[in-house]
Amino acid sequence: MFALVAFFIAFSFSSAQTRLEGRTQLLIEEANSLSTAYLRLDLCNPDDQPRLRSLYAKYVVLRIDGTRLLPDTNAAQQPWREAELVGSEIWKLSVKGTKAGGSERILVVGATNEMLDAATRRSRSAEVHVPWLILAALVVMSALAALLAGRSFGSKSKHPDFHQWILAGTFALTLTILIDLDHPRLGFIRMPAGDAAMTAVQQAIDSASEQQ
């Protein structure tokens, strides 16, 4: 029973860690694609650039606002849906502000498309977690393993209370860390590298807007 619990814990931790690394990478990719798309606004029609820069400033704020509401994905969807509407307006204006068939349109529209795709990938990744059935099985098996250990301790003339507390604490701590790892921002685990990348893009956009 303990071996089975160990297998499930190892499997769950591995998948949760992989998802955490993937979410961080997606966040960095979104920041990079957003920065690239914003820089290529210089290729658009000068008359359309002020409006586009304003939309980008609003877009990045909405994306960051949604991220701060995680792991409550339902709450995060509201600013992210608003960001999608702003993204659609950015797309239309980017097409309008570049010459049809020109290399400028290819560069601008391509970067804009990658930015919107990166946002979609990250939004969907926030909804993927360890299946509840695996977590439930892990809780049940941990309880059964503790029960068997308790019966074994109970058959002794002396009750090693210290060992029982160690066993219970270990199971509780392991499950808590697993849930925290699979739901970053719920507890102590964060994604500082990705958050710093998005914040840097926001600051760069704000700084550029002030200089206009």
N, C-alpha and C. Protein backbone atom coordinates (compact mmCIF):
# COMPACT_ATOMS: atom_id res chain seq x y z
N MET A 1 0.83 -1.21 0.00
CA MET A 1 0.00 0.00 0.00
C MET A 1 0.87 1.26 0.00
N PHE A 2 1.93 1.24 0.82
CA PHE A 2 2.82 2.39 0.84
C PHE A 2 3.53 2.57 -0.51
N ALA A 3 3.88 1.45 -1.15
CA ALA A 3 4.54 1.53 -2.46
C ALA A 3 3.59 2.13 -3.49
N LEU A 4 2.31 1.76 -3.43
CA LEU A 4 1.33 2.30 -4.37
C LEU A 4 1.12 3.80 -4.14
N VAL A 5 1.07 4.19 -2.87
CA VAL A 5 0.94 5.61 -2.55
C VAL A 5 2.15 6.38 -3.08
N ALA A 6 3.34 5.81 -2.89
CA ALA A 6 4.56 6.45 -3.38
C ALA A 6 4.54 6.62 -4.89
N PHE A 7 4.03 5.60 -5.59
CA PHE A 7 3.94 5.68 -7.06
C PHE A 7 3.00 6.81 -7.48
N PHE A 8 1.84 6.90 -6.86
CA PHE A 8 0.88 7.94 -7.21
C PHE A 8 1.43 9.32 -6.89
N ILE A 9 2.12 9.44 -5.75
CA ILE A 9 2.70 10.73 -5.39
C ILE A 9 3.75 11.15 -6.41
N ALA A 10 4.63 10.22 -6.77
CA ALA A 10 5.68 10.52 -7.74
C ALA A 10 5.08 10.91 -9.09
N PHE A 11 4.06 10.18 -9.53
CA PHE A 11 3.40 10.49 -10.81
C PHE A 11 2.74 11.86 -10.76
N SER A 12 2.03 12.15 -9.67
CA SER A 12 1.32 13.42 -9.56
C SER A 12 2.27 14.60 -9.47
N PHE A 13 3.35 14.43 -8.71
CA PHE A 13 4.33 15.51 -8.58
C PHE A 13 5.01 15.78 -9.92
N SER A 14 5.34 14.72 -10.64
CA SER A 14 6.01 14.89 -11.93
C SER A 14 5.13 15.64 -12.91
N SER A 15 3.86 15.27 -13.01
CA SER A 15 2.96 15.93 -13.94
C SER A 15 2.69 17.37 -13.52
N ALA A 16 2.55 17.60 -12.21
CA ALA A 16 2.29 18.97 -11.72
C ALA A 16 3.50 19.87 -11.97
N GLN A 17 4.71 19.34 -11.76
CA GLN A 17 5.91 20.12 -12.00
C GLN A 17 6.07 20.45 -13.49
N THR A 18 5.73 19.48 -14.33
CA THR A 18 5.80 19.71 -15.78
C THR A 18 4.83 20.80 -16.20
N ARG A 19 3.63 20.79 -15.63
CA ARG A 19 2.65 21.81 -15.96
C ARG A 19 3.09 23.18 -15.46
N LEU A 20 3.70 23.22 -14.27
CA LEU A 20 4.17 24.51 -13.75
C LEU A 20 5.24 25.10 -14.65
N GLU A 21 6.19 24.28 -15.09
CA GLU A 21 7.22 24.76 -16.00
C GLU A 21 6.62 25.20 -17.33
N GLY A 22 5.62 24.44 -17.81
CA GLY A 22 4.96 24.81 -19.06
C GLY A 22 4.21 26.12 -18.95
N ARG A 23 3.54 26.35 -17.81
CA ARG A 23 2.82 27.61 -17.62
C ARG A 23 3.78 28.79 -17.57
N THR A 24 4.91 28.60 -16.90
CA THR A 24 5.90 29.67 -16.84
C THR A 24 6.43 30.00 -18.24
N GLN A 25 6.71 28.95 -19.01
CA GLN A 25 7.22 29.15 -20.36
C GLN A 25 6.19 29.84 -21.24
N LEU A 26 4.93 29.47 -21.11
CA LEU A 26 3.88 30.11 -21.91
C LEU A 26 3.73 31.58 -21.54
N LEU A 27 3.89 31.89 -20.26
CA LEU A 27 3.79 33.28 -19.81
C LEU A 27 4.93 34.11 -20.39
N ILE A 28 6.13 33.54 -20.41
CA ILE A 28 7.27 34.25 -20.99
C ILE A 28 7.10 34.40 -22.49
N GLU A 29 6.59 33.35 -23.16
CA GLU A 29 6.36 33.43 -24.60
C GLU A 29 5.32 34.50 -24.93
N GLU A 30 4.28 34.60 -24.12
CA GLU A 30 3.27 35.63 -24.37
C GLU A 30 3.88 37.02 -24.21
N ALA A 31 4.72 37.20 -23.18
CA ALA A 31 5.36 38.50 -22.98
C ALA A 31 6.27 38.85 -24.16
N ASN A 32 7.03 37.86 -24.65
CA ASN A 32 7.92 38.11 -25.78
C ASN A 32 7.15 38.44 -27.05
N SER A 33 6.08 37.70 -27.31
CA SER A 33 5.29 37.94 -28.51
C SER A 33 4.59 39.30 -28.44
N LEU A 34 4.15 39.67 -27.24
CA LEU A 34 3.50 40.97 -27.07
C LEU A 34 4.49 42.11 -27.31
N SER A 35 5.70 41.94 -26.78
CA SER A 35 6.74 42.95 -26.98
C SER A 35 7.10 43.10 -28.45
N THR A 36 7.22 41.96 -29.16
CA THR A 36 7.57 42.00 -30.58
C THR A 36 6.47 42.69 -31.39
N ALA A 37 5.22 42.33 -31.11
CA ALA A 37 4.10 42.94 -31.84
C ALA A 37 4.04 44.44 -31.60
N TYR A 38 4.31 44.85 -30.37
CA TYR A 38 4.26 46.29 -30.06
C TYR A 38 5.36 47.04 -30.79
N LEU A 39 6.55 46.46 -30.84
CA LEU A 39 7.66 47.13 -31.52
C LEU A 39 7.40 47.30 -33.01
N ARG A 40 6.68 46.35 -33.60
CA ARG A 40 6.43 46.40 -35.04
C ARG A 40 5.33 47.39 -35.41
N LEU A 41 4.76 48.05 -34.40
CA LEU A 41 3.78 49.09 -34.72
C LEU A 41 4.40 50.24 -35.49
N ASP A 42 5.73 50.36 -35.38
CA ASP A 42 6.42 51.42 -36.12
C ASP A 42 6.25 51.27 -37.63
N LEU A 43 5.88 50.06 -38.07
CA LEU A 43 5.69 49.80 -39.50
C LEU A 43 4.30 50.17 -39.98
N CYS A 44 3.40 50.48 -39.05
CA CYS A 44 2.03 50.80 -39.43
C CYS A 44 1.92 52.26 -39.88
N ASN A 45 0.76 52.56 -40.44
CA ASN A 45 0.47 53.93 -40.85
C ASN A 45 0.60 54.85 -39.64
N PRO A 46 1.36 55.94 -39.73
CA PRO A 46 1.56 56.84 -38.60
C PRO A 46 0.25 57.33 -37.98
N ASP A 47 -0.77 57.51 -38.80
CA ASP A 47 -2.05 57.99 -38.28
C ASP A 47 -2.73 56.97 -37.38
N ASP A 48 -2.44 55.68 -37.61
CA ASP A 48 -3.07 54.62 -36.82
C ASP A 48 -2.26 54.22 -35.60
N GLN A 49 -1.01 54.63 -35.54
CA GLN A 49 -0.14 54.20 -34.45
C GLN A 49 -0.60 54.66 -33.06
N PRO A 50 -1.03 55.91 -32.87
CA PRO A 50 -1.46 56.32 -31.52
C PRO A 50 -2.59 55.45 -30.97
N ARG A 51 -3.58 55.16 -31.83
CA ARG A 51 -4.71 54.34 -31.39
C ARG A 51 -4.24 52.92 -31.08
N LEU A 52 -3.37 52.37 -31.89
CA LEU A 52 -2.86 51.03 -31.65
C LEU A 52 -2.07 50.96 -30.35
N ARG A 53 -1.24 51.94 -30.08
CA ARG A 53 -0.45 51.94 -28.85
C ARG A 53 -1.36 52.03 -27.63
N SER A 54 -2.41 52.79 -27.74
CA SER A 54 -3.38 52.89 -26.64
C SER A 54 -4.06 51.55 -26.40
N LEU A 55 -4.41 50.85 -27.48
CA LEU A 55 -5.04 49.54 -27.35
C LEU A 55 -4.09 48.52 -26.74
N TYR A 56 -2.83 48.58 -27.12
CA TYR A 56 -1.85 47.66 -26.55
C TYR A 56 -1.68 47.89 -25.05
N ALA A 57 -1.67 49.16 -24.63
CA ALA A 57 -1.56 49.48 -23.21
C ALA A 57 -2.74 48.91 -22.43
N LYS A 58 -3.93 49.01 -23.00
CA LYS A 58 -5.12 48.45 -22.36
C LYS A 58 -5.09 46.93 -22.37
N TYR A 59 -4.62 46.36 -23.47
CA TYR A 59 -4.57 44.90 -23.61
C TYR A 59 -3.66 44.27 -22.56
N VAL A 60 -2.47 44.80 -22.39
CA VAL A 60 -1.52 44.20 -21.45
C VAL A 60 -2.02 44.32 -20.01
N VAL A 61 -2.70 45.41 -19.69
CA VAL A 61 -3.26 45.58 -18.34
C VAL A 61 -4.33 44.52 -18.08
N LEU A 62 -5.19 44.27 -19.06
CA LEU A 62 -6.24 43.27 -18.89
C LEU A 62 -5.66 41.86 -18.75
N ARG A 63 -4.62 41.57 -19.52
CA ARG A 63 -3.99 40.25 -19.42
C ARG A 63 -3.36 40.06 -18.04
N ILE A 64 -2.72 41.09 -17.52
CA ILE A 64 -2.10 41.00 -16.19
C ILE A 64 -3.16 40.93 -15.10
N ASP A 65 -4.24 41.69 -15.25
CA ASP A 65 -5.33 41.65 -14.26
C ASP A 65 -5.91 40.25 -14.16
N GLY A 66 -6.10 39.59 -15.31
CA GLY A 66 -6.62 38.22 -15.28
C GLY A 66 -5.65 37.27 -14.61
N THR A 67 -4.37 37.45 -14.86
CA THR A 67 -3.36 36.59 -14.25
C THR A 67 -3.36 36.72 -12.74
N ARG A 68 -3.55 37.92 -12.24
CA ARG A 68 -3.55 38.14 -10.78
C ARG A 68 -4.74 37.49 -10.09
N LEU A 69 -5.79 37.20 -10.84
CA LEU A 69 -6.98 36.57 -10.26
C LEU A 69 -6.85 35.05 -10.18
N LEU A 70 -5.82 34.49 -10.81
CA LEU A 70 -5.62 33.05 -10.73
C LEU A 70 -5.23 32.65 -9.31
N PRO A 71 -5.58 31.43 -8.87
CA PRO A 71 -6.09 30.30 -9.67
C PRO A 71 -7.60 30.27 -9.87
N ASP A 72 -8.31 31.34 -9.56
CA ASP A 72 -9.75 31.40 -9.82
C ASP A 72 -9.94 31.68 -11.32
N THR A 73 -10.01 30.61 -12.10
CA THR A 73 -10.09 30.76 -13.55
C THR A 73 -11.40 31.44 -13.98
N ASN A 74 -12.47 31.23 -13.22
CA ASN A 74 -13.74 31.87 -13.58
C ASN A 74 -13.63 33.39 -13.47
N ALA A 75 -12.99 33.86 -12.40
CA ALA A 75 -12.81 35.30 -12.23
C ALA A 75 -11.83 35.86 -13.27
N ALA A 76 -10.80 35.08 -13.60
CA ALA A 76 -9.80 35.54 -14.57
C ALA A 76 -10.38 35.66 -15.97
N GLN A 77 -11.43 34.92 -16.25
CA GLN A 77 -11.99 34.94 -17.60
C GLN A 77 -12.59 36.29 -17.96
N GLN A 78 -13.08 37.04 -16.98
CA GLN A 78 -13.70 38.32 -17.30
C GLN A 78 -12.71 39.32 -17.92
N PRO A 79 -11.59 39.63 -17.26
CA PRO A 79 -10.63 40.53 -17.93
C PRO A 79 -10.02 39.91 -19.19
N TRP A 80 -9.88 38.59 -19.20
CA TRP A 80 -9.31 37.95 -20.40
C TRP A 80 -10.27 38.03 -21.58
N ARG A 81 -11.57 37.95 -21.31
CA ARG A 81 -12.54 38.12 -22.41
C ARG A 81 -12.51 39.56 -22.92
N GLU A 82 -12.35 40.51 -22.02
CA GLU A 82 -12.21 41.90 -22.46
C GLU A 82 -10.94 42.07 -23.28
N ALA A 83 -9.88 41.37 -22.88
CA ALA A 83 -8.63 41.44 -23.64
C ALA A 83 -8.81 40.86 -25.04
N GLU A 84 -9.64 39.83 -25.17
CA GLU A 84 -9.90 39.25 -26.49
C GLU A 84 -10.58 40.27 -27.40
N LEU A 85 -11.52 41.03 -26.84
CA LEU A 85 -12.20 42.06 -27.63
C LEU A 85 -11.22 43.15 -28.06
N VAL A 86 -10.34 43.54 -27.13
CA VAL A 86 -9.32 44.53 -27.47
C VAL A 86 -8.37 43.96 -28.52
N GLY A 87 -8.03 42.67 -28.38
CA GLY A 87 -7.16 42.01 -29.35
C GLY A 87 -7.77 41.99 -30.74
N SER A 88 -9.08 41.77 -30.81
CA SER A 88 -9.76 41.79 -32.11
C SER A 88 -9.68 43.17 -32.75
N GLU A 89 -9.81 44.20 -31.93
CA GLU A 89 -9.71 45.56 -32.46
C GLU A 89 -8.29 45.85 -32.92
N ILE A 90 -7.30 45.34 -32.16
CA ILE A 90 -5.89 45.51 -32.55
C ILE A 90 -5.66 44.84 -33.90
N TRP A 91 -6.21 43.64 -34.07
CA TRP A 91 -6.04 42.92 -35.32
C TRP A 91 -6.61 43.71 -36.51
N LYS A 92 -7.84 44.18 -36.36
CA LYS A 92 -8.48 44.92 -37.45
C LYS A 92 -7.72 46.19 -37.80
N LEU A 93 -7.28 46.91 -36.78
CA LEU A 93 -6.58 48.15 -37.02
C LEU A 93 -5.17 47.90 -37.58
N SER A 94 -4.56 46.78 -37.20
CA SER A 94 -3.25 46.43 -37.74
C SER A 94 -3.34 46.13 -39.23
N VAL A 95 -4.39 45.44 -39.62
CA VAL A 95 -4.60 45.15 -41.04
C VAL A 95 -4.88 46.44 -41.80
N LYS A 96 -5.72 47.28 -41.21
CA LYS A 96 -6.08 48.54 -41.85
C LYS A 96 -4.87 49.48 -41.97
N GLY A 97 -3.98 49.44 -40.98
CA GLY A 97 -2.88 50.38 -40.95
C GLY A 97 -1.64 49.95 -41.71
N THR A 98 -1.73 48.85 -42.45
CA THR A 98 -0.59 48.38 -43.25
C THR A 98 -1.03 48.18 -44.69
N LYS A 99 -0.10 48.29 -45.57
CA LYS A 99 -0.39 48.19 -46.99
C LYS A 99 -0.61 46.74 -47.40
N ALA A 100 -1.69 46.48 -48.14
CA ALA A 100 -1.99 45.13 -48.59
C ALA A 100 -0.87 44.60 -49.48
N GLY A 101 -0.42 43.40 -49.21
CA GLY A 101 0.62 42.77 -50.01
C GLY A 101 2.02 43.23 -49.68
N GLY A 102 2.14 44.19 -48.76
CA GLY A 102 3.46 44.69 -48.40
C GLY A 102 4.12 43.86 -47.32
N SER A 103 5.43 43.98 -47.24
CA SER A 103 6.16 43.24 -46.22
C SER A 103 5.81 43.74 -44.82
N GLU A 104 5.39 45.02 -44.72
CA GLU A 104 5.01 45.56 -43.42
C GLU A 104 3.81 44.81 -42.84
N ARG A 105 2.82 44.54 -43.71
CA ARG A 105 1.64 43.82 -43.22
C ARG A 105 2.02 42.43 -42.77
N ILE A 106 2.88 41.76 -43.50
CA ILE A 106 3.29 40.40 -43.12
C ILE A 106 3.93 40.41 -41.74
N LEU A 107 4.80 41.37 -41.49
CA LEU A 107 5.50 41.43 -40.21
C LEU A 107 4.55 41.82 -39.08
N VAL A 108 3.73 42.82 -39.31
CA VAL A 108 2.84 43.31 -38.26
C VAL A 108 1.75 42.30 -37.95
N VAL A 109 1.08 41.82 -38.98
CA VAL A 109 -0.02 40.89 -38.78
C VAL A 109 0.49 39.55 -38.23
N GLY A 110 1.65 39.11 -38.70
CA GLY A 110 2.21 37.87 -38.18
C GLY A 110 2.52 37.96 -36.70
N ALA A 111 3.10 39.08 -36.25
CA ALA A 111 3.41 39.27 -34.83
C ALA A 111 2.14 39.39 -34.01
N THR A 112 1.13 40.07 -34.56
CA THR A 112 -0.14 40.20 -33.85
C THR A 112 -0.82 38.85 -33.69
N ASN A 113 -0.80 38.06 -34.74
CA ASN A 113 -1.40 36.73 -34.68
C ASN A 113 -0.71 35.86 -33.63
N GLU A 114 0.62 35.91 -33.58
CA GLU A 114 1.35 35.13 -32.59
C GLU A 114 1.04 35.60 -31.18
N MET A 115 0.88 36.89 -31.00
CA MET A 115 0.53 37.43 -29.68
C MET A 115 -0.82 36.91 -29.21
N LEU A 116 -1.81 36.93 -30.09
CA LEU A 116 -3.15 36.47 -29.73
C LEU A 116 -3.17 34.96 -29.50
N ASP A 117 -2.42 34.22 -30.32
CA ASP A 117 -2.35 32.77 -30.13
C ASP A 117 -1.68 32.41 -28.81
N ALA A 118 -0.62 33.14 -28.45
CA ALA A 118 0.08 32.89 -27.19
C ALA A 118 -0.85 33.13 -26.00
N ALA A 119 -1.68 34.17 -26.09
CA ALA A 119 -2.63 34.46 -25.02
C ALA A 119 -3.64 33.33 -24.88
N THR A 120 -4.12 32.81 -26.01
CA THR A 120 -5.08 31.70 -25.96
C THR A 120 -4.46 30.45 -25.35
N ARG A 121 -3.24 30.14 -25.75
CA ARG A 121 -2.57 28.95 -25.21
C ARG A 121 -2.40 29.06 -23.69
N ARG A 122 -2.03 30.23 -23.23
CA ARG A 122 -1.81 30.38 -21.79
C ARG A 122 -3.13 30.35 -21.02
N SER A 123 -4.17 30.95 -21.57
CA SER A 123 -5.47 30.94 -20.91
C SER A 123 -5.99 29.52 -20.75
N ARG A 124 -5.82 28.72 -21.79
CA ARG A 124 -6.28 27.33 -21.71
C ARG A 124 -5.43 26.49 -20.75
N SER A 125 -4.13 26.78 -20.70
CA SER A 125 -3.25 26.00 -19.82
C SER A 125 -3.59 26.22 -18.35
N ALA A 126 -4.16 27.38 -18.02
CA ALA A 126 -4.52 27.67 -16.63
C ALA A 126 -5.64 26.78 -16.13
N GLU A 127 -6.37 26.14 -17.04
CA GLU A 127 -7.50 25.29 -16.66
C GLU A 127 -7.13 23.82 -16.53
N VAL A 128 -5.87 23.47 -16.83
CA VAL A 128 -5.44 22.07 -16.81
C VAL A 128 -4.76 21.77 -15.48
N HIS A 129 -5.24 20.74 -14.78
CA HIS A 129 -4.69 20.36 -13.48
C HIS A 129 -4.63 18.84 -13.37
N VAL A 130 -4.06 18.37 -12.27
CA VAL A 130 -4.09 16.94 -11.99
C VAL A 130 -5.55 16.50 -11.91
N PRO A 131 -5.96 15.45 -12.62
CA PRO A 131 -7.36 15.01 -12.59
C PRO A 131 -7.84 14.76 -11.16
N TRP A 132 -9.07 15.18 -10.89
CA TRP A 132 -9.59 15.04 -9.53
C TRP A 132 -9.64 13.59 -9.10
N LEU A 133 -9.82 12.66 -10.06
CA LEU A 133 -9.89 11.23 -9.71
C LEU A 133 -8.55 10.76 -9.13
N ILE A 134 -7.45 11.26 -9.68
CA ILE A 134 -6.14 10.87 -9.16
C ILE A 134 -5.94 11.44 -7.76
N LEU A 135 -6.34 12.68 -7.55
CA LEU A 135 -6.23 13.27 -6.21
C LEU A 135 -7.08 12.52 -5.20
N ALA A 136 -8.30 12.16 -5.63
CA ALA A 136 -9.18 11.41 -4.73
C ALA A 136 -8.59 10.05 -4.39
N ALA A 137 -8.03 9.37 -5.41
CA ALA A 137 -7.41 8.07 -5.16
C ALA A 137 -6.22 8.21 -4.24
N LEU A 138 -5.45 9.28 -4.39
CA LEU A 138 -4.28 9.50 -3.55
C LEU A 138 -4.70 9.74 -2.10
N VAL A 139 -5.77 10.50 -1.90
CA VAL A 139 -6.26 10.75 -0.54
C VAL A 139 -6.74 9.45 0.10
N VAL A 140 -7.50 8.66 -0.66
CA VAL A 140 -8.04 7.40 -0.13
C VAL A 140 -6.91 6.44 0.21
N MET A 141 -5.94 6.31 -0.70
CA MET A 141 -4.84 5.38 -0.45
C MET A 141 -3.96 5.85 0.70
N SER A 142 -3.79 7.14 0.84
CA SER A 142 -3.02 7.66 1.98
C SER A 142 -3.73 7.34 3.29
N ALA A 143 -5.07 7.48 3.29
CA ALA A 143 -5.84 7.16 4.49
C ALA A 143 -5.75 5.67 4.81
N LEU A 144 -5.81 4.82 3.78
CA LEU A 144 -5.71 3.38 4.00
C LEU A 144 -4.32 3.00 4.51
N ALA A 145 -3.29 3.61 3.95
CA ALA A 145 -1.93 3.33 4.41
C ALA A 145 -1.76 3.75 5.86
N ALA A 146 -2.33 4.91 6.22
CA ALA A 146 -2.26 5.37 7.61
C ALA A 146 -3.03 4.44 8.54
N LEU A 147 -4.16 3.92 8.03
CA LEU A 147 -4.96 2.99 8.84
C LEU A 147 -4.19 1.70 9.11
N LEU A 148 -3.55 1.17 8.06
CA LEU A 148 -2.76 -0.04 8.24
C LEU A 148 -1.60 0.18 9.20
N ALA A 149 -0.95 1.34 9.06
CA ALA A 149 0.15 1.66 9.97
C ALA A 149 -0.37 1.81 11.40
N GLY A 150 -1.56 2.41 11.54
CA GLY A 150 -2.14 2.58 12.87
C GLY A 150 -2.48 1.25 13.52
N ARG A 151 -2.99 0.32 12.73
CA ARG A 151 -3.31 -1.00 13.27
C ARG A 151 -2.03 -1.72 13.70
N SER A 152 -0.98 -1.50 12.90
CA SER A 152 0.29 -2.13 13.27
C SER A 152 0.83 -1.55 14.57
N PHE A 153 0.74 -0.23 14.70
CA PHE A 153 1.19 0.41 15.94
C PHE A 153 0.31 -0.03 17.12
N GLY A 154 -0.99 -0.20 16.83
CA GLY A 154 -1.92 -0.55 17.90
C GLY A 154 -1.69 -1.94 18.45
N SER A 155 -1.05 -2.80 17.67
CA SER A 155 -0.80 -4.17 18.13
C SER A 155 0.39 -4.24 19.09
N LYS A 156 1.12 -3.15 19.21
CA LYS A 156 2.27 -3.11 20.11
C LYS A 156 1.81 -2.73 21.51
N SER A 157 2.62 -3.10 22.46
CA SER A 157 2.30 -2.77 23.85
C SER A 157 2.47 -1.28 24.12
N LYS A 158 3.41 -0.67 23.39
CA LYS A 158 3.64 0.76 23.53
C LYS A 158 3.21 1.47 22.24
N HIS A 159 2.62 2.59 22.38
CA HIS A 159 2.12 3.34 21.22
C HIS A 159 3.10 4.46 20.87
N PRO A 160 3.80 4.34 19.76
CA PRO A 160 4.77 5.38 19.38
C PRO A 160 4.06 6.61 18.80
N ASP A 161 3.52 7.46 19.68
CA ASP A 161 2.75 8.63 19.23
C ASP A 161 3.57 9.52 18.31
N PHE A 162 4.86 9.64 18.60
CA PHE A 162 5.71 10.50 17.78
C PHE A 162 5.71 10.02 16.34
N HIS A 163 5.82 8.71 16.12
CA HIS A 163 5.82 8.15 14.76
C HIS A 163 4.48 8.38 14.07
N GLN A 164 3.41 8.29 14.81
CA GLN A 164 2.09 8.50 14.23
C GLN A 164 1.94 9.95 13.75
N TRP A 165 2.42 10.88 14.55
CA TRP A 165 2.35 12.28 14.15
C TRP A 165 3.22 12.55 12.93
N ILE A 166 4.38 11.92 12.89
CA ILE A 166 5.26 12.08 11.73
C ILE A 166 4.58 11.57 10.47
N LEU A 167 3.92 10.41 10.56
CA LEU A 167 3.24 9.83 9.40
C LEU A 167 2.11 10.72 8.93
N ALA A 168 1.27 11.16 9.86
CA ALA A 168 0.14 12.02 9.49
C ALA A 168 0.62 13.35 8.91
N GLY A 169 1.64 13.93 9.53
CA GLY A 169 2.16 15.20 9.05
C GLY A 169 2.78 15.10 7.67
N THR A 170 3.46 13.98 7.41
CA THR A 170 4.09 13.78 6.11
C THR A 170 3.05 13.68 5.00
N PHE A 171 1.99 12.90 5.25
CA PHE A 171 0.93 12.79 4.25
C PHE A 171 0.26 14.13 4.00
N ALA A 172 -0.05 14.85 5.09
CA ALA A 172 -0.73 16.14 4.95
C ALA A 172 0.14 17.15 4.21
N LEU A 173 1.42 17.20 4.56
CA LEU A 173 2.33 18.14 3.90
C LEU A 173 2.51 17.80 2.42
N THR A 174 2.61 16.51 2.11
CA THR A 174 2.80 16.09 0.73
C THR A 174 1.61 16.47 -0.14
N LEU A 175 0.41 16.21 0.35
CA LEU A 175 -0.79 16.55 -0.41
C LEU A 175 -0.94 18.06 -0.56
N THR A 176 -0.60 18.81 0.49
CA THR A 176 -0.69 20.26 0.42
C THR A 176 0.26 20.83 -0.63
N ILE A 177 1.49 20.35 -0.63
CA ILE A 177 2.47 20.83 -1.62
C ILE A 177 2.05 20.45 -3.03
N LEU A 178 1.50 19.25 -3.19
CA LEU A 178 1.05 18.81 -4.51
C LEU A 178 -0.04 19.73 -5.05
N ILE A 179 -1.02 20.04 -4.22
CA ILE A 179 -2.12 20.92 -4.66
C ILE A 179 -1.59 22.32 -4.95
N ASP A 180 -0.68 22.80 -4.11
CA ASP A 180 -0.09 24.12 -4.32
C ASP A 180 0.71 24.16 -5.62
N LEU A 181 1.44 23.08 -5.90
CA LEU A 181 2.24 23.01 -7.12
C LEU A 181 1.36 22.98 -8.36
N ASP A 182 0.21 22.32 -8.26
CA ASP A 182 -0.68 22.19 -9.41
C ASP A 182 -1.58 23.41 -9.57
N HIS A 183 -1.66 24.25 -8.53
CA HIS A 183 -2.47 25.48 -8.60
C HIS A 183 -1.58 26.65 -8.18
N PRO A 184 -0.61 27.03 -9.01
CA PRO A 184 0.27 28.15 -8.64
C PRO A 184 -0.53 29.42 -8.38
N ARG A 185 -0.08 30.17 -7.39
CA ARG A 185 -0.70 31.40 -6.91
C ARG A 185 -1.76 31.13 -5.86
N LEU A 186 -2.10 29.85 -5.64
CA LEU A 186 -3.07 29.52 -4.60
C LEU A 186 -2.42 29.62 -3.23
N GLY A 187 -1.16 29.18 -3.13
CA GLY A 187 -0.44 29.20 -1.86
C GLY A 187 0.87 29.95 -1.97
N PHE A 188 1.95 29.23 -1.67
CA PHE A 188 3.27 29.87 -1.66
C PHE A 188 3.96 29.84 -3.02
N ILE A 189 3.59 28.92 -3.88
CA ILE A 189 4.28 28.76 -5.17
C ILE A 189 3.79 29.81 -6.16
N ARG A 190 4.73 30.49 -6.79
CA ARG A 190 4.42 31.52 -7.77
C ARG A 190 5.22 31.26 -9.05
N MET A 191 5.04 32.14 -10.03
CA MET A 191 5.80 32.07 -11.28
C MET A 191 6.50 33.42 -11.49
N PRO A 192 7.52 33.70 -10.68
CA PRO A 192 8.13 35.04 -10.71
C PRO A 192 8.77 35.40 -12.04
N ALA A 193 9.38 34.43 -12.72
CA ALA A 193 10.05 34.73 -13.99
C ALA A 193 9.05 35.20 -15.03
N GLY A 194 7.92 34.50 -15.16
CA GLY A 194 6.90 34.89 -16.12
C GLY A 194 6.24 36.20 -15.76
N ASP A 195 5.93 36.39 -14.46
CA ASP A 195 5.30 37.63 -14.03
C ASP A 195 6.22 38.83 -14.28
N ALA A 196 7.51 38.64 -14.04
CA ALA A 196 8.47 39.73 -14.26
C ALA A 196 8.53 40.10 -15.74
N ALA A 197 8.42 39.09 -16.62
CA ALA A 197 8.46 39.35 -18.06
C ALA A 197 7.26 40.19 -18.49
N MET A 198 6.07 39.83 -18.00
CA MET A 198 4.87 40.59 -18.36
C MET A 198 4.91 42.01 -17.78
N THR A 199 5.39 42.13 -16.56
CA THR A 199 5.50 43.44 -15.94
C THR A 199 6.47 44.33 -16.71
N ALA A 200 7.57 43.74 -17.17
CA ALA A 200 8.55 44.50 -17.94
C ALA A 200 7.95 45.01 -19.24
N VAL A 201 7.12 44.19 -19.89
CA VAL A 201 6.46 44.62 -21.13
C VAL A 201 5.50 45.77 -20.84
N GLN A 202 4.73 45.66 -19.76
CA GLN A 202 3.81 46.73 -19.39
C GLN A 202 4.56 48.04 -19.14
N GLN A 203 5.67 47.95 -18.42
CA GLN A 203 6.45 49.15 -18.13
C GLN A 203 7.02 49.76 -19.41
N ALA A 204 7.46 48.90 -20.33
CA ALA A 204 8.01 49.39 -21.60
C ALA A 204 6.94 50.10 -22.41
N ILE A 205 5.73 49.54 -22.42
CA ILE A 205 4.63 50.16 -23.17
C ILE A 205 4.23 51.49 -22.53
N ASP A 206 4.14 51.51 -21.20
CA ASP A 206 3.80 52.75 -20.52
C ASP A 206 4.86 53.84 -20.76
N SER A 207 6.12 53.41 -20.72
CA SER A 207 7.21 54.36 -20.94
C SER A 207 7.16 54.92 -22.37
N ALA A 208 6.90 54.04 -23.34
CA ALA A 208 6.82 54.49 -24.73
C ALA A 208 5.63 55.43 -24.93
N SER A 209 4.53 55.15 -24.23
CA SER A 209 3.34 56.00 -24.37
C SER A 209 3.61 57.40 -23.82
N GLU A 210 4.37 57.47 -22.73
CA GLU A 210 4.67 58.77 -22.13
C GLU A 210 5.57 59.62 -23.02
N GLN A 211 6.38 58.94 -23.84
CA GLN A 211 7.32 59.64 -24.71
C GLN A 211 6.69 60.13 -26.00
N GLN A 212 5.47 59.61 -26.28
CA GLN A 212 4.82 60.00 -27.53
C GLN A 212 4.36 61.46 -27.48
